[in-house]
Amino acid sequence: MGYGRWAMGYGLWAMGNGLWAMGNGLWAMGIGKQLISAPSLSPIAYRL
């Protein structure tokens, strides 16, 4: 019984990690787009 609960928790954790990584990728892509399209309008991106 404890093992099943652990496996379920691990599955949820792995799914959360996948979503987090996907979000990070999308965020990085958005910053890249900003850098390419409007470098003069985003001085914050230069500091990152």
PDB file of N, CA and C in Angstrom:
ATOM      1  N   MET A   1       0.831  -1.192   0.000  1.00  0.00           N
ATOM      2  CA  MET A   1       0.000   0.000   0.000  1.00  0.00           C
ATOM      3  C   MET A   1       0.877   1.258   0.000  1.00  0.00           C
ATOM      4  N   GLY A   2       1.876   1.261   0.856  1.00  0.00           N
ATOM      5  CA  GLY A   2       2.766   2.425   0.915  1.00  0.00           C
ATOM      6  C   GLY A   2       3.509   2.619  -0.401  1.00  0.00           C
ATOM      7  N   TYR A   3       3.814   1.476  -1.057  1.00  0.00           N
ATOM      8  CA  TYR A   3       4.557   1.567  -2.317  1.00  0.00           C
ATOM      9  C   TYR A   3       3.727   2.225  -3.398  1.00  0.00           C
ATOM     10  N   GLY A   4       2.433   1.870  -3.435  1.00  0.00           N
ATOM     11  CA  GLY A   4       1.549   2.465  -4.442  1.00  0.00           C
ATOM     12  C   GLY A   4       1.445   3.970  -4.249  1.00  0.00           C
ATOM     13  N   ARG A   5       1.367   4.380  -3.002  1.00  0.00           N
ATOM     14  CA  ARG A   5       1.272   5.810  -2.707  1.00  0.00           C
ATOM     15  C   ARG A   5       2.549   6.514  -3.142  1.00  0.00           C
ATOM     16  N   TRP A   6       3.694   5.866  -2.903  1.00  0.00           N
ATOM     17  CA  TRP A   6       4.983   6.429  -3.291  1.00  0.00           C
ATOM     18  C   TRP A   6       5.067   6.555  -4.807  1.00  0.00           C
ATOM     19  N   ALA A   7       4.607   5.517  -5.517  1.00  0.00           N
ATOM     20  CA  ALA A   7       4.658   5.537  -6.977  1.00  0.00           C
ATOM     21  C   ALA A   7       3.771   6.659  -7.519  1.00  0.00           C
ATOM     22  N   MET A   8       2.610   6.854  -6.910  1.00  0.00           N
ATOM     23  CA  MET A   8       1.712   7.911  -7.362  1.00  0.00           C
ATOM     24  C   MET A   8       2.345   9.282  -7.116  1.00  0.00           C
ATOM     25  N   GLY A   9       2.944   9.430  -5.946  1.00  0.00           N
ATOM     26  CA  GLY A   9       3.615  10.694  -5.630  1.00  0.00           C
ATOM     27  C   GLY A   9       4.753  10.962  -6.594  1.00  0.00           C
ATOM     28  N   TYR A  10       5.506   9.910  -6.919  1.00  0.00           N
ATOM     29  CA  TYR A  10       6.625  10.057  -7.838  1.00  0.00           C
ATOM     30  C   TYR A  10       6.129  10.444  -9.226  1.00  0.00           C
ATOM     31  N   GLY A  11       5.009   9.839  -9.659  1.00  0.00           N
ATOM     32  CA  GLY A  11       4.447  10.174 -10.964  1.00  0.00           C
ATOM     33  C   GLY A  11       4.020  11.637 -11.019  1.00  0.00           C
ATOM     34  N   LEU A  12       3.378  12.093  -9.951  1.00  0.00           N
ATOM     35  CA  LEU A  12       2.943  13.495  -9.898  1.00  0.00           C
ATOM     36  C   LEU A  12       4.154  14.423  -9.894  1.00  0.00           C
ATOM     37  N   TRP A  13       5.201  14.034  -9.166  1.00  0.00           N
ATOM     38  CA  TRP A  13       6.418  14.837  -9.101  1.00  0.00           C
ATOM     39  C   TRP A  13       7.077  14.931 -10.475  1.00  0.00           C
ATOM     40  N   ALA A  14       7.138  13.790 -11.182  1.00  0.00           N
ATOM     41  CA  ALA A  14       7.751  13.774 -12.502  1.00  0.00           C
ATOM     42  C   ALA A  14       6.944  14.639 -13.475  1.00  0.00           C
ATOM     43  N   MET A  15       5.615  14.566 -13.372  1.00  0.00           N
ATOM     44  CA  MET A  15       4.759  15.369 -14.238  1.00  0.00           C
ATOM     45  C   MET A  15       4.970  16.849 -13.945  1.00  0.00           C
ATOM     46  N   GLY A  16       5.057  17.189 -12.660  1.00  0.00           N
ATOM     47  CA  GLY A  16       5.293  18.577 -12.274  1.00  0.00           C
ATOM     48  C   GLY A  16       6.632  19.069 -12.805  1.00  0.00           C
ATOM     49  N   ASN A  17       7.645  18.213 -12.726  1.00  0.00           N
ATOM     50  CA  ASN A  17       8.961  18.568 -13.243  1.00  0.00           C
ATOM     51  C   ASN A  17       8.901  18.808 -14.746  1.00  0.00           C
ATOM     52  N   GLY A  18       8.163  17.970 -15.458  1.00  0.00           N
ATOM     53  CA  GLY A  18       8.034  18.129 -16.899  1.00  0.00           C
ATOM     54  C   GLY A  18       7.356  19.448 -17.248  1.00  0.00           C
ATOM     55  N   LEU A  19       6.292  19.770 -16.511  1.00  0.00           N
ATOM     56  CA  LEU A  19       5.581  21.026 -16.761  1.00  0.00           C
ATOM     57  C   LEU A  19       6.481  22.214 -16.459  1.00  0.00           C
ATOM     58  N   TRP A  20       7.264  22.113 -15.386  1.00  0.00           N
ATOM     59  CA  TRP A  20       8.176  23.188 -15.000  1.00  0.00           C
ATOM     60  C   TRP A  20       9.233  23.403 -16.090  1.00  0.00           C
ATOM     61  N   ALA A  21       9.778  22.295 -16.607  1.00  0.00           N
ATOM     62  CA  ALA A  21      10.791  22.396 -17.657  1.00  0.00           C
ATOM     63  C   ALA A  21      10.191  23.004 -18.927  1.00  0.00           C
ATOM     64  N   MET A  22       8.955  22.606 -19.249  1.00  0.00           N
ATOM     65  CA  MET A  22       8.287  23.144 -20.425  1.00  0.00           C
ATOM     66  C   MET A  22       8.062  24.646 -20.247  1.00  0.00           C
ATOM     67  N   GLY A  23       7.626  25.033 -19.048  1.00  0.00           N
ATOM     68  CA  GLY A  23       7.405  26.449 -18.762  1.00  0.00           C
ATOM     69  C   GLY A  23       8.702  27.234 -18.881  1.00  0.00           C
ATOM     70  N   ASN A  24       9.789  26.650 -18.385  1.00  0.00           N
ATOM     71  CA  ASN A  24      11.091  27.300 -18.483  1.00  0.00           C
ATOM     72  C   ASN A  24      11.493  27.478 -19.941  1.00  0.00           C
ATOM     73  N   GLY A  25      11.247  26.460 -20.753  1.00  0.00           N
ATOM     74  CA  GLY A  25      11.579  26.546 -22.175  1.00  0.00           C
ATOM     75  C   GLY A  25      10.779  27.639 -22.868  1.00  0.00           C
ATOM     76  N   LEU A  26       9.484  27.701 -22.560  1.00  0.00           N
ATOM     77  CA  LEU A  26       8.636  28.725 -23.172  1.00  0.00           C
ATOM     78  C   LEU A  26       9.069  30.116 -22.728  1.00  0.00           C
ATOM     79  N   TRP A  27       9.422  30.255 -21.447  1.00  0.00           N
ATOM     80  CA  TRP A  27       9.867  31.538 -20.904  1.00  0.00           C
ATOM     81  C   TRP A  27      11.153  31.985 -21.596  1.00  0.00           C
ATOM     82  N   ALA A  28      12.101  31.049 -21.768  1.00  0.00           N
ATOM     83  CA  ALA A  28      13.370  31.362 -22.423  1.00  0.00           C
ATOM     84  C   ALA A  28      13.125  31.748 -23.882  1.00  0.00           C
ATOM     85  N   MET A  29      12.196  31.041 -24.539  1.00  0.00           N
ATOM     86  CA  MET A  29      11.869  31.362 -25.931  1.00  0.00           C
ATOM     87  C   MET A  29      11.297  32.776 -26.012  1.00  0.00           C
ATOM     88  N   GLY A  30      10.429  33.125 -25.060  1.00  0.00           N
ATOM     89  CA  GLY A  30       9.835  34.464 -25.048  1.00  0.00           C
ATOM     90  C   GLY A  30      10.896  35.539 -24.885  1.00  0.00           C
ATOM     91  N   ILE A  31      11.875  35.288 -24.017  1.00  0.00           N
ATOM     92  CA  ILE A  31      12.955  36.262 -23.817  1.00  0.00           C
ATOM     93  C   ILE A  31      13.794  36.363 -25.085  1.00  0.00           C
ATOM     94  N   GLY A  32      14.034  35.231 -25.723  1.00  0.00           N
ATOM     95  CA  GLY A  32      14.801  35.238 -26.969  1.00  0.00           C
ATOM     96  C   GLY A  32      14.092  36.048 -28.038  1.00  0.00           C
ATOM     97  N   LYS A  33      12.784  35.877 -28.128  1.00  0.00           N
ATOM     98  CA  LYS A  33      12.003  36.631 -29.114  1.00  0.00           C
ATOM     99  C   LYS A  33      12.100  38.122 -28.832  1.00  0.00           C
ATOM    100  N   GLN A  34      12.008  38.497 -27.556  1.00  0.00           N
ATOM    101  CA  GLN A  34      12.097  39.908 -27.187  1.00  0.00           C
ATOM    102  C   GLN A  34      13.471  40.464 -27.563  1.00  0.00           C
ATOM    103  N   LEU A  35      14.501  39.700 -27.305  1.00  0.00           N
ATOM    104  CA  LEU A  35      15.858  40.146 -27.610  1.00  0.00           C
ATOM    105  C   LEU A  35      16.032  40.367 -29.102  1.00  0.00           C
ATOM    106  N   ILE A  36      15.433  39.465 -29.900  1.00  0.00           N
ATOM    107  CA  ILE A  36      15.597  39.549 -31.346  1.00  0.00           C
ATOM    108  C   ILE A  36      14.737  40.670 -31.935  1.00  0.00           C
ATOM    109  N   SER A  37      13.474  40.748 -31.490  1.00  0.00           N
ATOM    110  CA  SER A  37      12.548  41.688 -32.117  1.00  0.00           C
ATOM    111  C   SER A  37      12.727  43.119 -31.634  1.00  0.00           C
ATOM    112  N   ALA A  38      12.989  43.317 -30.337  1.00  0.00           N
ATOM    113  CA  ALA A  38      13.068  44.683 -29.826  1.00  0.00           C
ATOM    114  C   ALA A  38      14.161  44.828 -28.778  1.00  0.00           C
ATOM    115  N   PRO A  39      15.425  44.799 -29.186  1.00  0.00           N
ATOM    116  CA  PRO A  39      16.521  44.912 -28.225  1.00  0.00           C
ATOM    117  C   PRO A  39      16.565  46.289 -27.560  1.00  0.00           C
ATOM    118  N   SER A  40      16.141  47.321 -28.269  1.00  0.00           N
ATOM    119  CA  SER A  40      16.204  48.667 -27.707  1.00  0.00           C
ATOM    120  C   SER A  40      15.093  48.894 -26.676  1.00  0.00           C
ATOM    121  N   LEU A  41      14.000  48.111 -26.777  1.00  0.00           N
ATOM    122  CA  LEU A  41      12.869  48.301 -25.875  1.00  0.00           C
ATOM    123  C   LEU A  41      12.970  47.454 -24.615  1.00  0.00           C
ATOM    124  N   SER A  42      13.970  46.560 -24.541  1.00  0.00           N
ATOM    125  CA  SER A  42      14.066  45.699 -23.361  1.00  0.00           C
ATOM    126  C   SER A  42      15.473  45.725 -22.769  1.00  0.00           C
ATOM    127  N   PRO A  43      15.814  46.810 -22.067  1.00  0.00           N
ATOM    128  CA  PRO A  43      17.140  46.880 -21.422  1.00  0.00           C
ATOM    129  C   PRO A  43      17.284  45.873 -20.295  1.00  0.00           C
ATOM    130  N   ILE A  44      16.135  45.423 -19.735  1.00  0.00           N
ATOM    131  CA  ILE A  44      16.167  44.440 -18.649  1.00  0.00           C
ATOM    132  C   ILE A  44      16.751  43.121 -19.151  1.00  0.00           C
ATOM    133  N   ALA A  45      16.416  42.763 -20.386  1.00  0.00           N
ATOM    134  CA  ALA A  45      16.874  41.487 -20.929  1.00  0.00           C
ATOM    135  C   ALA A  45      18.396  41.467 -21.051  1.00  0.00           C
ATOM    136  N   TYR A  46      19.003  42.622 -21.272  1.00  0.00           N
ATOM    137  CA  TYR A  46      20.467  42.663 -21.384  1.00  0.00           C
ATOM    138  C   TYR A  46      21.124  42.316 -20.050  1.00  0.00           C
ATOM    139  N   ARG A  47      20.486  42.730 -18.958  1.00  0.00           N
ATOM    140  CA  ARG A  47      21.068  42.497 -17.640  1.00  0.00           C
ATOM    141  C   ARG A  47      20.954  41.043 -17.208  1.00  0.00           C
ATOM    142  N   LEU A  48      19.986  40.299 -17.761  1.00  0.00           N
ATOM    143  CA  LEU A  48      19.767  38.916 -17.318  1.00  0.00           C
ATOM    144  C   LEU A  48      20.959  38.043 -17.656  1.00  0.00           C
TER     145      LEU A  48
END
